[in-house]
């Protein structure tokens, strides 16, 4: 499916969601009393309570997803950098691991250069 079709599908889904929320708000107009910890909000619309709860839940969920995505990107960057270091260190021997009589030892190379 092309890019325009996906964009149209998203718009239709958003419009459908907005219509459902509007119907919910219109059907729940009666006032309620809301108690939040030490506060009391008398005569507030039930639709307002539901919509604010919906928006708060969506924002907390989106924030959690963004935080998780941020952490996984940092983790993958860290793993990529550490794995490239591991590859280099596994291919090239460390100088202290090379025996002195080995042809690639630094003392043999220095002797060859001085000769």
N, C-alpha and C. Protein backbone atom coordinates (compact mmCIF):
# COMPACT_ATOMS: atom_id res chain seq x y z
N UNK A 1 0.85 -1.18 0.00
CA UNK A 1 0.00 0.00 0.00
C UNK A 1 0.89 1.24 0.00
N UNK A 2 0.51 2.23 -0.76
CA UNK A 2 1.33 3.44 -0.87
C UNK A 2 1.18 4.33 0.36
N UNK A 3 2.00 5.34 0.42
CA UNK A 3 2.05 6.24 1.57
C UNK A 3 0.74 7.01 1.75
N UNK A 4 0.10 7.42 0.66
CA UNK A 4 -1.15 8.19 0.75
C UNK A 4 -2.26 7.34 1.33
N UNK A 5 -2.31 6.07 1.00
CA UNK A 5 -3.34 5.16 1.53
C UNK A 5 -3.21 4.97 3.03
N UNK A 6 -1.97 4.87 3.50
CA UNK A 6 -1.76 4.73 4.94
C UNK A 6 -2.15 6.00 5.68
N UNK A 7 -1.84 7.15 5.09
CA UNK A 7 -2.21 8.43 5.71
C UNK A 7 -3.71 8.59 5.78
N UNK A 8 -4.40 8.19 4.72
CA UNK A 8 -5.86 8.27 4.71
C UNK A 8 -6.46 7.33 5.75
N UNK A 9 -5.87 6.16 5.89
CA UNK A 9 -6.36 5.20 6.89
C UNK A 9 -6.20 5.78 8.30
N UNK A 10 -5.09 6.44 8.57
CA UNK A 10 -4.88 7.04 9.89
C UNK A 10 -5.90 8.15 10.15
N UNK A 11 -6.19 8.96 9.14
CA UNK A 11 -7.17 10.04 9.30
C UNK A 11 -8.54 9.45 9.60
N UNK A 12 -8.91 8.40 8.90
CA UNK A 12 -10.22 7.77 9.13
C UNK A 12 -10.29 7.20 10.54
N UNK A 13 -9.23 6.56 11.00
CA UNK A 13 -9.23 6.00 12.36
C UNK A 13 -9.34 7.11 13.40
N UNK A 14 -8.60 8.22 13.21
CA UNK A 14 -8.68 9.34 14.15
C UNK A 14 -10.08 9.96 14.15
N UNK A 15 -10.67 10.10 12.98
CA UNK A 15 -12.03 10.66 12.92
C UNK A 15 -13.03 9.73 13.60
N UNK A 16 -12.89 8.44 13.40
CA UNK A 16 -13.77 7.48 14.05
C UNK A 16 -13.63 7.58 15.57
N UNK A 17 -12.40 7.69 16.06
CA UNK A 17 -12.18 7.83 17.50
C UNK A 17 -12.77 9.12 18.04
N UNK A 18 -12.64 10.21 17.27
CA UNK A 18 -13.20 11.49 17.70
C UNK A 18 -14.72 11.43 17.76
N UNK A 19 -15.35 10.75 16.80
CA UNK A 19 -16.81 10.60 16.82
C UNK A 19 -17.25 9.78 18.02
N UNK A 20 -16.55 8.72 18.33
CA UNK A 20 -16.88 7.89 19.51
C UNK A 20 -16.75 8.72 20.78
N UNK A 21 -15.70 9.51 20.91
CA UNK A 21 -15.51 10.35 22.10
C UNK A 21 -16.60 11.41 22.19
N UNK A 22 -16.98 12.00 21.06
CA UNK A 22 -18.05 13.01 21.06
C UNK A 22 -19.37 12.38 21.49
N UNK A 23 -19.68 11.19 21.00
CA UNK A 23 -20.92 10.50 21.42
C UNK A 23 -20.88 10.21 22.90
N UNK A 24 -19.75 9.75 23.40
CA UNK A 24 -19.60 9.47 24.83
C UNK A 24 -19.82 10.73 25.65
N UNK A 25 -19.26 11.85 25.20
CA UNK A 25 -19.41 13.11 25.93
C UNK A 25 -20.86 13.59 25.91
N UNK A 26 -21.54 13.44 24.78
CA UNK A 26 -22.93 13.90 24.69
C UNK A 26 -23.88 13.04 25.52
N UNK A 27 -23.58 11.77 25.67
CA UNK A 27 -24.47 10.88 26.43
C UNK A 27 -24.22 10.94 27.93
N UNK A 28 -23.16 11.54 28.37
CA UNK A 28 -22.83 11.58 29.80
C UNK A 28 -22.69 13.02 30.28
N UNK A 29 -23.76 13.78 30.17
CA UNK A 29 -23.75 15.19 30.54
C UNK A 29 -24.09 15.43 32.01
N UNK A 30 -24.63 14.45 32.71
CA UNK A 30 -25.10 14.72 34.07
C UNK A 30 -23.93 15.01 35.02
N UNK A 31 -24.18 15.89 35.99
CA UNK A 31 -23.10 16.31 36.91
C UNK A 31 -22.81 15.24 37.96
N UNK A 32 -21.54 15.17 38.33
CA UNK A 32 -21.11 14.24 39.38
C UNK A 32 -20.22 15.01 40.36
N UNK A 33 -20.02 14.43 41.52
CA UNK A 33 -19.12 15.00 42.51
C UNK A 33 -17.85 14.16 42.50
N UNK A 34 -16.72 14.82 42.40
CA UNK A 34 -15.44 14.12 42.28
C UNK A 34 -14.59 14.42 43.50
N UNK A 35 -14.07 13.38 44.12
CA UNK A 35 -13.19 13.50 45.28
C UNK A 35 -11.79 13.03 44.86
N UNK A 36 -10.81 13.96 44.95
CA UNK A 36 -9.43 13.64 44.62
C UNK A 36 -8.59 13.95 45.84
N UNK A 37 -8.13 12.93 46.52
CA UNK A 37 -7.36 13.04 47.75
C UNK A 37 -8.08 13.97 48.74
N UNK A 38 -7.61 15.20 48.89
CA UNK A 38 -8.22 16.10 49.86
C UNK A 38 -9.13 17.13 49.21
N UNK A 39 -9.26 17.09 47.90
CA UNK A 39 -10.10 18.06 47.20
C UNK A 39 -11.42 17.43 46.81
N UNK A 40 -12.41 18.29 46.71
CA UNK A 40 -13.71 17.85 46.24
C UNK A 40 -14.19 18.81 45.15
N UNK A 41 -14.57 18.25 44.02
CA UNK A 41 -15.09 19.03 42.90
C UNK A 41 -16.57 18.70 42.74
N UNK A 42 -17.46 19.52 43.26
CA UNK A 42 -18.88 19.21 43.12
C UNK A 42 -19.41 19.69 41.76
N UNK A 43 -20.36 18.99 41.25
CA UNK A 43 -21.08 19.36 40.03
C UNK A 43 -20.18 19.53 38.81
N UNK A 44 -19.40 18.53 38.54
CA UNK A 44 -18.57 18.53 37.34
C UNK A 44 -19.16 17.50 36.38
N UNK A 45 -19.10 17.77 35.11
CA UNK A 45 -19.69 16.89 34.11
C UNK A 45 -18.94 15.55 34.06
N UNK A 46 -19.71 14.47 33.99
CA UNK A 46 -19.11 13.14 33.90
C UNK A 46 -18.30 13.01 32.60
N UNK A 47 -18.76 13.63 31.54
CA UNK A 47 -18.04 13.58 30.27
C UNK A 47 -16.66 14.23 30.41
N UNK A 48 -16.59 15.32 31.16
CA UNK A 48 -15.31 15.99 31.38
C UNK A 48 -14.36 15.09 32.17
N UNK A 49 -14.89 14.41 33.17
CA UNK A 49 -14.07 13.50 33.97
C UNK A 49 -13.53 12.38 33.10
N UNK A 50 -14.40 11.82 32.25
CA UNK A 50 -13.98 10.72 31.38
C UNK A 50 -12.95 11.20 30.36
N UNK A 51 -13.17 12.35 29.76
CA UNK A 51 -12.23 12.86 28.76
C UNK A 51 -10.88 13.21 29.37
N UNK A 52 -10.89 13.83 30.54
CA UNK A 52 -9.62 14.16 31.20
C UNK A 52 -8.88 12.87 31.57
N UNK A 53 -9.61 11.87 32.04
CA UNK A 53 -8.99 10.59 32.38
C UNK A 53 -8.40 9.92 31.13
N UNK A 54 -9.13 10.00 30.03
CA UNK A 54 -8.64 9.43 28.78
C UNK A 54 -7.37 10.13 28.32
N UNK A 55 -7.36 11.45 28.34
CA UNK A 55 -6.17 12.19 27.92
C UNK A 55 -4.98 11.96 28.85
N UNK A 56 -5.25 11.89 30.15
CA UNK A 56 -4.17 11.64 31.11
C UNK A 56 -3.57 10.25 30.90
N UNK A 57 -4.42 9.27 30.71
CA UNK A 57 -3.93 7.91 30.47
C UNK A 57 -3.16 7.80 29.17
N UNK A 58 -3.64 8.46 28.12
CA UNK A 58 -2.95 8.43 26.84
C UNK A 58 -1.59 9.13 26.93
N UNK A 59 -1.53 10.24 27.66
CA UNK A 59 -0.25 10.94 27.78
C UNK A 59 0.75 10.15 28.63
N UNK A 60 0.29 9.50 29.67
CA UNK A 60 1.19 8.68 30.49
C UNK A 60 1.67 7.49 29.68
N UNK A 61 0.77 6.84 28.93
CA UNK A 61 1.17 5.71 28.10
C UNK A 61 2.14 6.11 27.01
N UNK A 62 1.88 7.25 26.36
CA UNK A 62 2.79 7.73 25.31
C UNK A 62 4.15 8.10 25.88
N UNK A 63 4.13 8.73 27.04
CA UNK A 63 5.40 9.08 27.70
C UNK A 63 6.21 7.84 28.05
N UNK A 64 5.53 6.81 28.52
CA UNK A 64 6.23 5.56 28.83
C UNK A 64 6.80 4.90 27.60
N UNK A 65 6.05 4.93 26.50
CA UNK A 65 6.54 4.36 25.25
C UNK A 65 7.74 5.14 24.72
N UNK A 66 7.68 6.47 24.79
CA UNK A 66 8.80 7.29 24.33
C UNK A 66 10.03 7.05 25.19
N UNK A 67 9.83 6.93 26.50
CA UNK A 67 10.94 6.67 27.41
C UNK A 67 11.58 5.32 27.09
N UNK A 68 10.76 4.31 26.84
CA UNK A 68 11.27 2.99 26.51
C UNK A 68 12.04 3.02 25.19
N UNK A 69 11.52 3.73 24.20
CA UNK A 69 12.19 3.85 22.92
C UNK A 69 13.54 4.56 23.08
N UNK A 70 13.56 5.62 23.90
CA UNK A 70 14.80 6.36 24.17
C UNK A 70 15.83 5.45 24.82
N UNK A 71 15.40 4.68 25.82
CA UNK A 71 16.32 3.79 26.53
C UNK A 71 16.82 2.68 25.60
N UNK A 72 15.96 2.13 24.75
CA UNK A 72 16.40 1.05 23.86
C UNK A 72 17.36 1.58 22.80
N UNK A 73 17.17 2.81 22.33
CA UNK A 73 18.12 3.40 21.37
C UNK A 73 19.48 3.58 22.02
N UNK A 74 19.49 4.09 23.23
CA UNK A 74 20.77 4.27 23.93
C UNK A 74 21.43 2.92 24.19
N UNK A 75 20.64 1.92 24.54
CA UNK A 75 21.17 0.59 24.81
C UNK A 75 21.76 -0.01 23.53
N UNK A 76 21.06 0.17 22.39
CA UNK A 76 21.57 -0.38 21.13
C UNK A 76 22.82 0.35 20.68
N UNK A 77 22.88 1.68 20.90
CA UNK A 77 24.10 2.42 20.56
C UNK A 77 25.27 1.95 21.42
N UNK A 78 24.99 1.72 22.70
CA UNK A 78 26.04 1.26 23.60
C UNK A 78 26.52 -0.13 23.20
N UNK A 79 25.57 -1.01 22.86
CA UNK A 79 25.94 -2.36 22.45
C UNK A 79 26.71 -2.34 21.14
N UNK A 80 26.33 -1.47 20.21
CA UNK A 80 27.03 -1.39 18.93
C UNK A 80 28.46 -0.91 19.13
N UNK A 81 28.65 0.08 19.98
CA UNK A 81 30.01 0.57 20.21
C UNK A 81 30.85 -0.45 20.96
N UNK A 82 30.27 -1.13 21.93
CA UNK A 82 31.06 -2.11 22.68
C UNK A 82 31.32 -3.36 21.85
N UNK A 83 30.40 -3.73 20.96
CA UNK A 83 30.63 -4.92 20.14
C UNK A 83 31.69 -4.64 19.09
N UNK A 84 31.78 -3.42 18.56
CA UNK A 84 32.84 -3.10 17.60
C UNK A 84 34.19 -3.11 18.30
N UNK A 85 34.25 -2.68 19.55
CA UNK A 85 35.50 -2.76 20.31
C UNK A 85 35.88 -4.21 20.56
N UNK A 86 34.89 -5.06 20.84
CA UNK A 86 35.14 -6.47 21.08
C UNK A 86 35.68 -7.14 19.82
N UNK A 87 35.15 -6.76 18.65
CA UNK A 87 35.61 -7.35 17.40
C UNK A 87 37.07 -7.00 17.16
N UNK A 88 37.43 -5.74 17.35
CA UNK A 88 38.81 -5.32 17.15
C UNK A 88 39.72 -6.02 18.13
N UNK A 89 39.31 -6.11 19.39
CA UNK A 89 40.18 -6.74 20.38
C UNK A 89 40.26 -8.24 20.19
N UNK A 90 39.26 -8.86 19.58
CA UNK A 90 39.33 -10.30 19.36
C UNK A 90 40.16 -10.64 18.13
N UNK A 91 40.29 -9.70 17.18
CA UNK A 91 41.06 -9.95 15.97
C UNK A 91 42.52 -9.63 16.19
N UNK A 92 42.81 -8.51 16.81
CA UNK A 92 44.19 -8.09 17.03
C UNK A 92 44.65 -8.53 18.41
N UNK A 93 45.79 -9.22 18.49
CA UNK A 93 46.27 -9.63 19.81
C UNK A 93 46.83 -8.44 20.57
N UNK A 94 46.68 -8.47 21.87
CA UNK A 94 47.27 -7.43 22.69
C UNK A 94 48.77 -7.64 22.74
N UNK A 95 49.52 -6.57 22.93
CA UNK A 95 50.99 -6.67 22.89
C UNK A 95 51.52 -7.53 24.02
N UNK A 96 50.86 -7.55 25.16
CA UNK A 96 51.35 -8.37 26.27
C UNK A 96 51.05 -9.85 26.05
N UNK A 97 50.15 -10.18 25.09
CA UNK A 97 49.84 -11.57 24.80
C UNK A 97 50.79 -12.18 23.77
N UNK A 98 51.56 -11.34 23.06
CA UNK A 98 52.45 -11.83 22.02
C UNK A 98 53.77 -12.25 22.67
N UNK A 99 54.22 -13.48 22.43
CA UNK A 99 55.50 -13.90 23.02
C UNK A 99 56.65 -13.11 22.42
N UNK A 100 57.74 -12.98 23.17
CA UNK A 100 58.88 -12.18 22.74
C UNK A 100 59.57 -12.76 21.49
N UNK A 101 59.53 -14.09 21.33
CA UNK A 101 60.20 -14.68 20.17
C UNK A 101 59.28 -14.78 18.96
N UNK A 102 58.06 -14.25 19.07
CA UNK A 102 57.11 -14.28 17.96
C UNK A 102 57.51 -13.24 16.92
N UNK A 103 57.34 -13.54 15.62
CA UNK A 103 57.79 -12.60 14.59
C UNK A 103 57.08 -11.25 14.63
N UNK A 104 55.92 -11.17 15.25
CA UNK A 104 55.21 -9.89 15.28
C UNK A 104 55.47 -9.12 16.56
N UNK A 105 56.35 -9.61 17.41
CA UNK A 105 56.59 -8.88 18.65
C UNK A 105 57.30 -7.57 18.35
N UNK A 106 57.08 -6.60 19.19
CA UNK A 106 57.63 -5.26 18.93
C UNK A 106 59.15 -5.23 19.03
N UNK A 107 59.75 -6.07 19.87
CA UNK A 107 61.21 -6.08 19.97
C UNK A 107 61.84 -6.63 18.71
N UNK A 108 61.24 -7.65 18.10
CA UNK A 108 61.77 -8.20 16.85
C UNK A 108 61.66 -7.18 15.73
N UNK A 109 60.55 -6.46 15.69
CA UNK A 109 60.37 -5.44 14.66
C UNK A 109 61.40 -4.33 14.83
N UNK A 110 61.68 -3.96 16.07
CA UNK A 110 62.67 -2.91 16.32
C UNK A 110 64.06 -3.37 15.90
N UNK A 111 64.40 -4.65 16.14
CA UNK A 111 65.70 -5.20 15.76
C UNK A 111 65.84 -5.20 14.24
N UNK A 112 64.73 -5.55 13.54
CA UNK A 112 64.77 -5.59 12.08
C UNK A 112 64.96 -4.20 11.51
N UNK A 113 64.34 -3.22 12.11
CA UNK A 113 64.46 -1.86 11.62
C UNK A 113 65.86 -1.30 11.85
N UNK A 114 66.48 -1.68 12.97
CA UNK A 114 67.81 -1.16 13.29
C UNK A 114 68.90 -1.83 12.46
N UNK A 115 68.64 -3.00 11.88
CA UNK A 115 69.66 -3.74 11.14
C UNK A 115 69.90 -3.17 9.77
